Amino acid sequence: AGVNHVIMNLKYGQRPVEEVVEELGEEVVPHFPALTVK
């Protein structure tokens, strides 16, 4: 069991969305391994 999806609401942020998404990709996503279908 585990979490297979996450929702992030960037609507109320002060930074540009592109910047936040890039940072998430660099700093957060690498901590979650890709799942493979068996």
C-alpha atoms as a PDB file:
ATOM      1  CA  ALA A   1       0.000   0.000   0.000  1.00  0.00           C
ATOM      2  CA  GLY A   2       1.090   3.557  -0.591  1.00  0.00           C
ATOM      3  CA  VAL A   3       0.365   6.849  -2.251  1.00  0.00           C
ATOM      4  CA  ASN A   4       0.211   6.789  -6.045  1.00  0.00           C
ATOM      5  CA  HIS A   5      -0.725  10.414  -6.645  1.00  0.00           C
ATOM      6  CA  VAL A   6      -0.419  13.870  -5.129  1.00  0.00           C
ATOM      7  CA  ILE A   7      -2.215  17.148  -5.853  1.00  0.00           C
ATOM      8  CA  MET A   8      -0.418  20.464  -5.382  1.00  0.00           C
ATOM      9  CA  ASN A   9      -2.432  23.680  -5.554  1.00  0.00           C
ATOM     10  CA  LEU A  10      -0.151  26.491  -6.718  1.00  0.00           C
ATOM     11  CA  LYS A  11      -2.975  29.021  -7.156  1.00  0.00           C
ATOM     12  CA  TYR A  12      -2.155  31.223  -4.168  1.00  0.00           C
ATOM     13  CA  GLY A  13       1.627  31.207  -4.444  1.00  0.00           C
ATOM     14  CA  GLN A  14       3.668  34.375  -4.875  1.00  0.00           C
ATOM     15  CA  ARG A  15       6.228  32.817  -7.238  1.00  0.00           C
ATOM     16  CA  PRO A  16       5.755  32.103 -10.949  1.00  0.00           C
ATOM     17  CA  VAL A  17       4.213  28.661 -11.498  1.00  0.00           C
ATOM     18  CA  GLU A  18       6.955  27.664 -13.952  1.00  0.00           C
ATOM     19  CA  GLU A  19       9.605  28.359 -11.308  1.00  0.00           C
ATOM     20  CA  VAL A  20       7.789  26.331  -8.653  1.00  0.00           C
ATOM     21  CA  VAL A  21       7.199  23.376 -10.985  1.00  0.00           C
ATOM     22  CA  GLU A  22      10.868  23.387 -11.993  1.00  0.00           C
ATOM     23  CA  GLU A  23      11.942  23.399  -8.339  1.00  0.00           C
ATOM     24  CA  LEU A  24       9.544  20.565  -7.506  1.00  0.00           C
ATOM     25  CA  GLY A  25      11.022  18.553 -10.373  1.00  0.00           C
ATOM     26  CA  GLU A  26      14.554  19.140  -9.141  1.00  0.00           C
ATOM     27  CA  GLU A  27      14.103  18.923  -5.373  1.00  0.00           C
ATOM     28  CA  VAL A  28      11.016  16.785  -4.638  1.00  0.00           C
ATOM     29  CA  VAL A  29      10.280  14.371  -7.488  1.00  0.00           C
ATOM     30  CA  PRO A  30      13.667  12.585  -7.312  1.00  0.00           C
ATOM     31  CA  HIS A  31      12.740  11.352  -3.813  1.00  0.00           C
ATOM     32  CA  PHE A  32       9.865   9.286  -5.260  1.00  0.00           C
ATOM     33  CA  PRO A  33      10.913   6.314  -7.397  1.00  0.00           C
ATOM     34  CA  ALA A  34       8.959   5.524 -10.544  1.00  0.00           C
ATOM     35  CA  LEU A  35       6.471   2.685 -10.179  1.00  0.00           C
ATOM     36  CA  THR A  36       6.561  -0.177 -12.646  1.00  0.00           C
ATOM     37  CA  VAL A  37       3.534  -2.180 -13.714  1.00  0.00           C
ATOM     38  CA  LYS A  38       3.829  -5.901 -13.007  1.00  0.00           C
END
